């Protein structure tokens, strides 16, 4: 707070995006750089922390897409912002169980993580400590081998991940990227900024920009009907990168996050110790987040790839066969406590009141993955491409 207050006194109000960037990733005092509180003891719990089934079904999704695309001989799994590494760990367990299916495929894992603290936690979770720092000039800053024998690399930026046939995963990643906030006024659109409150020293407040800012000119769509809009330009840039990589090298991207399809307005909030926290108080000690605008992600893919969704988490997991998986786990669990835990975590993931409806799945896929063969090619009797699991029911062969 002292650091921000000095900055604001010196140079005036900052955008919400800059405030978020400082609060979350400032090298000395940022929330993620210092702690990154995921899990029971942290500030928020994510789906993979609730149930192993979540990650297993996502692992199945990747394998099902890999098979639908003709089983290419390399498979890069790239996760953006992997948290504690729980999700990748669950996915790798599925890959091990289906090792016979993947036997002729060269599988590697690539994690994009800016937090030194979290990358240490991921390394312990995934490799049980066997990691080494990479030389300065190599794109990956750390590498290791998973407990199941798969090479893992860590990067600070998606640009550093080597090109090639890749499956991308962004689970609760886009919601932590900095947003700009805009308010419609009688004088046109104005950007919402963060400033020092002149009445109360060392307290922050929201103010409106006196005139149009560069962001107002660049990010508001002329057809916008809402009175308050949040835009995340960084999410747009990342989606463009994903889309151009998938267009060029093949693969797919799966995004799971809470969000909306261009309908919500003010979703900027903070979490601390599992409770809502005022976004402007004690910056650097709470997780700041905003709902993902999937309509914006779709627009930013610029038609380079096909997009599917957003579809509610409840529907996606049902299509992926979560009910069947739950039944099997219940049958195999001997004690009541485990059974209760399984049912409780299923309820957390699926209940519309909990995570079932507020989380969504969204995918980027190459166009040819969804194109029905042309009618005039009947002679070759090409069969239509298999449905995309999760967005349709998973066909268990």
Protein backbone atom coordinates (compact mmCIF):
# COMPACT_ATOMS: atom_id res chain seq x y z
CA UNK A 1 0.00 0.00 0.00
CA UNK A 2 2.85 2.41 0.86
CA UNK A 3 4.54 1.61 -2.46
CA UNK A 4 1.31 2.27 -4.40
CA UNK A 5 0.47 5.41 -2.43
CA UNK A 6 3.89 6.89 -3.25
CA UNK A 7 3.43 6.04 -6.88
CA UNK A 8 -0.07 7.57 -7.03
CA UNK A 9 1.03 10.77 -5.29
CA UNK A 10 3.90 11.10 -7.72
CA UNK A 11 2.17 10.33 -10.99
CA UNK A 12 -1.58 10.41 -10.44
CA UNK A 13 -4.26 7.71 -10.74
CA UNK A 14 -3.54 4.38 -12.48
CA UNK A 15 -5.77 2.06 -14.50
CA UNK A 16 -7.39 -0.90 -12.74
CA UNK A 17 -5.17 -3.10 -14.95
CA UNK A 18 -2.01 -1.52 -13.61
CA UNK A 19 -3.34 -1.74 -10.05
CA UNK A 20 -4.08 -5.47 -10.51
CA UNK A 21 -0.68 -6.10 -12.08
CA UNK A 22 1.07 -4.41 -9.15
CA UNK A 23 -1.06 -6.12 -6.49
CA UNK A 24 -0.69 -9.59 -7.99
CA UNK A 25 2.74 -9.77 -9.62
CA UNK A 26 4.92 -6.97 -8.22
CA UNK A 27 8.33 -8.71 -7.80
CA UNK A 28 8.70 -7.79 -4.12
CA UNK A 29 5.19 -7.58 -2.69
CA UNK A 30 2.82 -9.10 -5.27
CA UNK A 31 0.26 -11.63 -4.06
CA UNK A 32 1.34 -14.41 -6.45
CA UNK A 33 5.06 -13.68 -6.24
CA UNK A 34 5.01 -13.82 -2.44
CA UNK A 35 2.51 -16.50 -1.62
CA UNK A 36 -0.19 -17.51 -4.10
CA UNK A 37 -2.72 -18.96 -1.66
CA UNK A 38 -4.31 -21.93 -3.43
CA UNK A 39 -5.84 -24.78 -1.45
CA UNK A 40 -7.49 -25.41 1.92
CA UNK A 41 -5.04 -23.21 3.82
CA UNK A 42 -4.91 -20.48 1.18
CA UNK A 43 -7.37 -17.86 -0.02
CA UNK A 44 -9.31 -19.84 -2.60
CA UNK A 45 -9.80 -23.47 -3.60
CA UNK A 46 -9.84 -24.58 -7.22
CA UNK A 47 -11.68 -27.57 -8.74
CA UNK A 48 -8.61 -29.86 -8.96
CA UNK A 49 -8.00 -29.25 -5.24
CA UNK A 50 -11.57 -30.44 -4.55
CA UNK A 51 -11.56 -33.67 -6.50
CA UNK A 52 -9.16 -35.82 -8.49
CA UNK A 53 -12.02 -36.65 -10.86
CA UNK A 54 -11.91 -33.14 -12.35
CA UNK A 55 -8.34 -33.51 -13.62
CA UNK A 56 -8.89 -37.11 -14.72
CA UNK A 57 -11.77 -36.09 -16.97
CA UNK A 58 -9.69 -33.29 -18.49
CA UNK A 59 -6.92 -35.84 -19.14
CA UNK A 60 -9.50 -38.02 -20.91
CA UNK A 61 -10.59 -34.98 -22.96
CA UNK A 62 -7.05 -34.45 -24.28
CA UNK A 63 -6.59 -38.12 -25.15
CA UNK A 64 -9.99 -38.23 -26.84
CA UNK A 65 -9.08 -35.15 -28.96
CA UNK A 66 -5.63 -36.57 -29.72
CA UNK A 67 -7.30 -39.76 -31.01
CA UNK A 68 -9.90 -37.80 -33.00
CA UNK A 69 -7.05 -35.94 -34.70
CA UNK A 70 -5.38 -39.14 -35.85
CA UNK A 71 -2.95 -39.78 -32.96
CA UNK A 72 -0.05 -37.49 -33.93
CA UNK A 73 3.32 -38.79 -32.71
CA UNK A 74 4.13 -35.86 -30.40
CA UNK A 75 1.96 -34.46 -27.67
CA UNK A 76 2.92 -31.32 -25.74
CA UNK A 77 0.69 -30.59 -22.77
CA UNK A 78 1.03 -26.86 -22.02
CA UNK A 79 -0.60 -25.49 -18.87
CA UNK A 80 -0.86 -21.74 -18.25
CA UNK A 81 -0.66 -20.78 -14.56
CA UNK A 82 -0.66 -24.32 -13.13
CA UNK A 83 -1.31 -23.32 -9.48
CA UNK A 84 0.08 -26.04 -7.21
CA UNK A 85 0.37 -28.52 -10.10
CA UNK A 86 -2.57 -30.63 -8.90
CA UNK A 87 -4.36 -30.55 -12.24
CA UNK A 88 -1.31 -31.59 -14.27
CA UNK A 89 -0.65 -34.32 -11.69
CA UNK A 90 -4.17 -35.74 -12.16
CA UNK A 91 -3.83 -35.56 -15.95
CA UNK A 92 -0.47 -37.36 -15.86
CA UNK A 93 -2.03 -40.13 -13.79
CA UNK A 94 -4.56 -40.70 -16.59
CA UNK A 95 -1.75 -40.67 -19.18
CA UNK A 96 0.02 -43.37 -17.14
CA UNK A 97 -3.15 -45.47 -16.88
CA UNK A 98 -3.59 -45.17 -20.64
CA UNK A 99 0.12 -45.66 -21.39
CA UNK A 100 -0.66 -48.42 -23.89
CA UNK A 101 -2.74 -45.95 -25.95
CA UNK A 102 0.00 -43.29 -25.85
CA UNK A 103 2.88 -45.75 -26.26
CA UNK A 104 4.05 -44.56 -29.69
CA UNK A 105 3.65 -40.90 -28.76
CA UNK A 106 6.34 -38.57 -27.46
CA UNK A 107 4.67 -36.81 -24.49
CA UNK A 108 6.11 -33.75 -22.71
CA UNK A 109 4.74 -31.20 -20.24
CA UNK A 110 5.34 -27.44 -20.47
CA UNK A 111 4.26 -25.17 -17.62
CA UNK A 112 3.98 -21.39 -17.99
CA UNK A 113 4.44 -19.96 -14.48
CA UNK A 114 5.63 -16.50 -13.36
CA UNK A 115 5.67 -17.21 -9.62
CA UNK A 116 8.96 -18.63 -8.26
CA UNK A 117 7.09 -19.79 -5.13
CA UNK A 118 4.43 -21.70 -7.09
CA UNK A 119 6.94 -23.26 -9.50
CA UNK A 120 8.76 -24.76 -6.48
CA UNK A 121 5.47 -26.21 -5.19
CA UNK A 122 4.68 -27.60 -8.68
CA UNK A 123 8.13 -29.19 -8.92
CA UNK A 124 7.68 -31.03 -5.62
CA UNK A 125 4.14 -32.12 -6.55
CA UNK A 126 5.03 -33.38 -10.04
CA UNK A 127 8.59 -34.68 -9.75
CA UNK A 128 9.07 -35.24 -6.03
CA UNK A 129 12.01 -32.74 -6.12
CA UNK A 130 13.99 -33.93 -9.16
CA UNK A 131 14.43 -30.60 -10.97
CA UNK A 132 17.36 -28.56 -12.14
CA UNK A 133 17.62 -24.90 -13.12
CA UNK A 134 18.32 -24.40 -16.81
CA UNK A 135 21.16 -22.25 -18.19
CA UNK A 136 20.26 -18.54 -18.54
CA UNK A 137 20.09 -18.59 -22.34
CA UNK A 138 17.60 -21.46 -22.65
CA UNK A 139 13.89 -20.60 -23.00
CA UNK A 140 12.87 -22.84 -20.05
CA UNK A 141 14.13 -21.66 -16.65
CA UNK A 142 13.74 -25.08 -15.01
CA UNK A 143 13.28 -28.69 -16.05
CA UNK A 144 12.62 -32.04 -14.46
CA UNK A 145 11.06 -35.46 -14.96
CA UNK A 146 7.61 -36.37 -13.67
CA UNK A 147 7.09 -39.25 -11.26
CA UNK A 148 5.73 -41.12 -14.28
CA UNK A 149 8.86 -40.43 -16.37
CA UNK A 150 7.61 -37.56 -18.55
CA UNK A 151 9.91 -34.54 -19.12
CA UNK A 152 8.59 -31.24 -17.65
CA UNK A 153 9.78 -27.73 -18.52
CA UNK A 154 8.97 -24.36 -16.88
CA UNK A 155 8.68 -21.02 -18.76
CA UNK A 156 7.82 -17.46 -17.85
CA UNK A 157 5.95 -16.72 -21.07
CA UNK A 158 3.89 -18.70 -23.56
CA UNK A 159 6.15 -17.31 -26.31
CA UNK A 160 9.01 -19.40 -24.88
CA UNK A 161 7.18 -22.72 -25.23
CA UNK A 162 8.59 -24.55 -28.28
CA UNK A 163 6.26 -24.77 -31.30
CA UNK A 164 4.73 -28.12 -32.19
CA UNK A 165 1.56 -30.13 -31.83
CA UNK A 166 0.24 -28.99 -28.44
CA UNK A 167 -2.74 -29.20 -26.15
CA UNK A 168 -3.16 -26.06 -24.06
CA UNK A 169 -4.88 -25.81 -20.71
CA UNK A 170 -5.93 -22.62 -18.92
CA UNK A 171 -7.82 -23.42 -15.74
CA UNK A 172 -8.59 -20.33 -13.63
CA UNK A 173 -5.84 -18.51 -15.50
CA UNK A 174 -7.62 -15.77 -17.47
CA UNK A 175 -9.58 -14.54 -14.42
CA UNK A 176 -6.39 -13.27 -12.74
CA UNK A 177 -5.15 -11.24 -15.73
CA UNK A 178 -5.41 -7.46 -15.36
CA UNK A 179 -8.62 -5.82 -16.60
CA UNK A 180 -9.49 -2.30 -17.65
CA UNK A 181 -12.86 -1.04 -16.39
CA UNK A 182 -15.04 1.44 -18.28
CA UNK A 183 -18.16 3.38 -17.34
CA UNK A 184 -20.63 4.96 -19.77
CA UNK A 185 -21.29 8.61 -18.78
CA UNK A 186 -23.23 11.51 -20.32
CA UNK A 187 -19.95 12.62 -21.89
CA UNK A 188 -19.26 9.18 -23.39
CA UNK A 189 -17.10 6.32 -22.13
CA UNK A 190 -14.70 7.00 -19.25
CA UNK A 191 -12.11 4.65 -17.77
CA UNK A 192 -12.32 3.73 -14.08
CA UNK A 193 -9.01 4.50 -12.33
CA UNK A 194 -7.53 3.88 -8.88
CA UNK A 195 -6.32 6.87 -6.83
CA UNK A 196 -5.46 7.96 -3.30
CA UNK A 197 -8.49 9.17 -1.32
CA UNK A 198 -7.72 12.83 -0.47
CA UNK A 199 -10.02 12.67 2.59
CA UNK A 200 -8.40 9.53 4.07
CA UNK A 201 -4.61 9.25 3.76
CA UNK A 202 -3.33 5.82 2.61
CA UNK A 203 -6.76 4.71 1.51
CA UNK A 204 -7.49 4.00 -2.15
CA UNK A 205 -10.65 4.84 -4.09
CA UNK A 206 -12.04 4.53 -7.62
CA UNK A 207 -12.27 7.66 -9.79
CA UNK A 208 -13.37 8.24 -13.39
CA UNK A 209 -10.88 9.54 -15.95
CA UNK A 210 -11.68 13.18 -16.79
CA UNK A 211 -11.40 12.47 -20.53
CA UNK A 212 -11.01 9.50 -22.88
CA UNK A 213 -7.94 7.34 -22.22
CA UNK A 214 -6.07 5.33 -24.89
CA UNK A 215 -7.75 2.18 -23.54
CA UNK A 216 -11.21 3.73 -23.96
CA UNK A 217 -10.48 4.36 -27.63
CA UNK A 218 -9.03 0.90 -28.24
CA UNK A 219 -11.13 -1.52 -26.24
CA UNK A 220 -14.76 -0.41 -26.36
CA UNK A 221 -16.69 -2.00 -29.23
CA UNK A 222 -18.97 0.45 -31.09
CA UNK A 223 -21.91 -1.97 -30.71
CA UNK A 224 -21.53 -2.19 -26.89
CA UNK A 225 -24.89 -2.00 -25.07
CA UNK A 226 -23.77 -2.35 -21.44
CA UNK A 227 -23.13 0.71 -19.24
CA UNK A 228 -20.15 -0.81 -17.45
CA UNK A 229 -17.58 -2.98 -19.22
CA UNK A 230 -14.46 -4.89 -18.18
CA UNK A 231 -11.88 -5.71 -20.85
CA UNK A 232 -8.79 -7.86 -20.43
CA UNK A 233 -6.41 -7.01 -23.31
CA UNK A 234 -3.80 -9.49 -22.05
CA UNK A 235 -6.34 -12.31 -22.37
CA UNK A 236 -6.95 -11.16 -25.95
CA UNK A 237 -3.23 -11.30 -26.76
CA UNK A 238 -2.87 -14.79 -25.26
CA UNK A 239 -5.90 -16.11 -27.15
CA UNK A 240 -4.44 -14.70 -30.38
CA UNK A 241 -1.19 -16.55 -29.67
CA UNK A 242 -3.00 -19.79 -28.86
CA UNK A 243 -5.16 -19.48 -31.97
CA UNK A 244 -2.23 -18.85 -34.30
CA UNK A 245 -0.25 -21.75 -32.78
CA UNK A 246 -3.18 -24.15 -33.11
CA UNK A 247 -3.81 -22.96 -36.67
CA UNK A 248 -0.15 -23.56 -37.56
CA UNK A 249 0.83 -26.66 -35.53
CA UNK A 250 -2.50 -28.32 -34.67
CA UNK A 251 -3.74 -29.31 -31.24
CA UNK A 252 -6.43 -27.64 -29.13
CA UNK A 253 -6.91 -25.34 -26.14
CA UNK A 254 -9.27 -25.89 -23.26
CA UNK A 255 -10.19 -22.91 -21.06
CA UNK A 256 -12.07 -23.46 -17.78
CA UNK A 257 -12.98 -20.41 -15.75
CA UNK A 258 -15.81 -18.50 -14.25
CA UNK A 259 -17.19 -16.03 -16.68
CA UNK A 260 -20.00 -14.94 -18.95
CA UNK A 261 -20.70 -14.50 -22.64
CA UNK A 262 -20.56 -10.71 -22.84
CA UNK A 263 -23.48 -10.09 -20.49
CA UNK A 264 -22.05 -9.16 -17.06
CA UNK A 265 -20.76 -5.76 -16.01
CA UNK A 266 -18.97 -5.34 -12.68
CA UNK A 267 -17.27 -8.61 -11.62
CA UNK A 268 -13.98 -7.33 -10.15
CA UNK A 269 -13.50 -8.84 -6.68
CA UNK A 270 -10.96 -9.98 -4.11
CA UNK A 271 -10.61 -13.18 -2.08
CA UNK A 272 -8.76 -13.64 1.19
CA UNK A 273 -9.08 -16.66 3.50
CA UNK A 274 -11.96 -17.96 1.35
CA UNK A 275 -13.99 -14.77 1.92
CA UNK A 276 -14.75 -11.82 -0.32
CA UNK A 277 -12.27 -9.04 0.30
CA UNK A 278 -12.46 -5.34 -0.65
CA UNK A 279 -10.34 -5.04 -3.82
CA UNK A 280 -8.80 -1.74 -2.75
CA UNK A 281 -7.82 -2.60 0.82
CA UNK A 282 -4.44 -4.15 1.74
CA UNK A 283 -3.28 -4.71 -1.87
CA UNK A 284 -0.88 -7.64 -2.27
CA UNK A 285 -2.54 -9.70 0.47
CA UNK A 286 -5.58 -10.93 -1.47
CA UNK A 287 -6.29 -12.63 -4.77
CA UNK A 288 -7.89 -10.23 -7.27
CA UNK A 289 -10.02 -11.62 -10.01
CA UNK A 290 -12.67 -10.76 -12.61
CA UNK A 291 -15.05 -12.95 -14.60
CA UNK A 292 -13.79 -13.95 -18.03
CA UNK A 293 -15.70 -12.47 -20.96
CA UNK A 294 -15.86 -15.43 -23.33
CA UNK A 295 -17.44 -13.34 -26.10
CA UNK A 296 -14.23 -11.27 -26.08
CA UNK A 297 -12.04 -14.41 -26.25
CA UNK A 298 -14.10 -15.66 -29.19
CA UNK A 299 -13.67 -12.32 -30.97
CA UNK A 300 -9.92 -12.34 -30.31
CA UNK A 301 -9.47 -15.79 -31.86
CA UNK A 302 -10.23 -13.80 -35.07
CA UNK A 303 -11.56 -16.85 -36.88
CA UNK A 304 -8.14 -18.55 -36.93
CA UNK A 305 -9.61 -21.46 -35.04
CA UNK A 306 -13.09 -22.79 -34.39
CA UNK A 307 -14.42 -22.05 -30.89
CA UNK A 308 -16.80 -24.14 -28.79
CA UNK A 309 -18.67 -22.96 -25.70
CA UNK A 310 -18.84 -21.50 -23.19
CA UNK A 311 -20.72 -24.45 -21.72
CA UNK A 312 -21.43 -24.81 -17.99
CA UNK A 313 -18.98 -26.94 -15.99
CA UNK A 314 -21.88 -29.15 -14.87
CA UNK A 315 -22.76 -30.02 -18.48
CA UNK A 316 -19.15 -30.46 -19.58
CA UNK A 317 -18.33 -32.88 -16.72
CA UNK A 318 -21.61 -34.76 -17.24
CA UNK A 319 -20.78 -35.17 -20.94
CA UNK A 320 -17.30 -36.39 -19.92
CA UNK A 321 -18.87 -39.20 -17.86
CA UNK A 322 -18.37 -37.88 -14.32
CA UNK A 323 -21.37 -39.86 -13.05
CA UNK A 324 -19.88 -43.15 -14.24
CA UNK A 325 -16.49 -42.27 -12.73
CA UNK A 326 -18.12 -41.34 -9.40
CA UNK A 327 -20.00 -44.68 -9.27
CA UNK A 328 -16.74 -46.58 -9.83
CA UNK A 329 -14.90 -44.65 -7.12
CA UNK A 330 -17.80 -45.16 -4.68
CA UNK A 331 -17.83 -48.91 -5.38
CA UNK A 332 -14.08 -49.13 -4.81
CA UNK A 333 -13.96 -47.06 -1.63
CA UNK A 334 -14.13 -49.11 1.53
CA UNK A 335 -14.84 -46.50 4.18
CA UNK A 336 -17.68 -44.07 4.83
CA UNK A 337 -15.40 -41.04 5.19
CA UNK A 338 -14.00 -41.47 1.66
CA UNK A 339 -17.51 -41.97 0.28
CA UNK A 340 -18.74 -38.79 1.96
CA UNK A 341 -15.73 -36.86 0.66
CA UNK A 342 -16.44 -38.11 -2.90
CA UNK A 343 -20.10 -37.10 -2.73
CA UNK A 344 -19.25 -33.74 -1.16
CA UNK A 345 -16.67 -32.93 -3.87
CA UNK A 346 -19.07 -34.08 -6.62
CA UNK A 347 -21.68 -31.69 -5.19
CA UNK A 348 -19.15 -28.81 -5.11
CA UNK A 349 -18.27 -29.35 -8.79
CA UNK A 350 -21.77 -30.03 -10.12
CA UNK A 351 -24.27 -28.16 -7.95
CA UNK A 352 -25.58 -25.13 -9.92
CA UNK A 353 -25.53 -23.15 -6.64
CA UNK A 354 -21.81 -23.92 -6.12
CA UNK A 355 -19.40 -24.34 -9.06
CA UNK A 356 -21.68 -26.16 -11.51
CA UNK A 357 -23.11 -23.07 -13.17
CA UNK A 358 -20.57 -20.32 -12.52
CA UNK A 359 -17.67 -22.17 -14.14
CA UNK A 360 -17.57 -22.58 -17.89
CA UNK A 361 -15.58 -24.56 -20.44
CA UNK A 362 -14.50 -23.08 -23.75
CA UNK A 363 -12.32 -24.63 -26.45
CA UNK A 364 -10.25 -23.56 -29.45
CA UNK A 365 -9.88 -26.22 -32.15
CA UNK A 366 -8.52 -26.30 -35.71
CA UNK A 367 -11.34 -25.66 -38.22
CA UNK A 368 -10.81 -29.01 -39.94
CA UNK A 369 -11.63 -30.77 -36.64
CA UNK A 370 -15.27 -29.69 -36.96
CA UNK A 371 -15.81 -29.57 -40.72
CA UNK A 372 -18.09 -32.20 -42.13
CA UNK A 373 -16.61 -33.72 -45.26
CA UNK A 374 -17.99 -32.16 -48.38
CA UNK A 375 -21.09 -33.76 -49.90
CA UNK A 376 -19.39 -34.08 -53.29
CA UNK A 377 -16.68 -36.32 -51.77
CA UNK A 378 -19.28 -39.03 -51.25
CA UNK A 379 -17.28 -41.40 -53.43
CA UNK A 380 -14.59 -41.59 -50.76
CA UNK A 381 -17.34 -42.03 -48.12
CA UNK A 382 -15.39 -40.07 -45.51
CA UNK A 383 -17.08 -40.34 -42.15
CA UNK A 384 -17.85 -37.07 -40.36
CA UNK A 385 -15.37 -36.12 -37.62
CA UNK A 386 -16.21 -37.61 -34.20
CA UNK A 387 -18.06 -35.23 -31.84
CA UNK A 388 -15.91 -33.18 -29.47
CA UNK A 389 -16.11 -34.77 -26.02
CA UNK A 390 -17.37 -32.57 -23.20
CA UNK A 391 -19.24 -30.33 -25.62
CA UNK A 392 -21.09 -33.46 -26.78
CA UNK A 393 -21.33 -36.73 -24.93
CA UNK A 394 -18.07 -38.67 -24.70
CA UNK A 395 -18.25 -41.81 -26.84
CA UNK A 396 -16.65 -44.58 -24.82
CA UNK A 397 -15.21 -47.13 -27.21
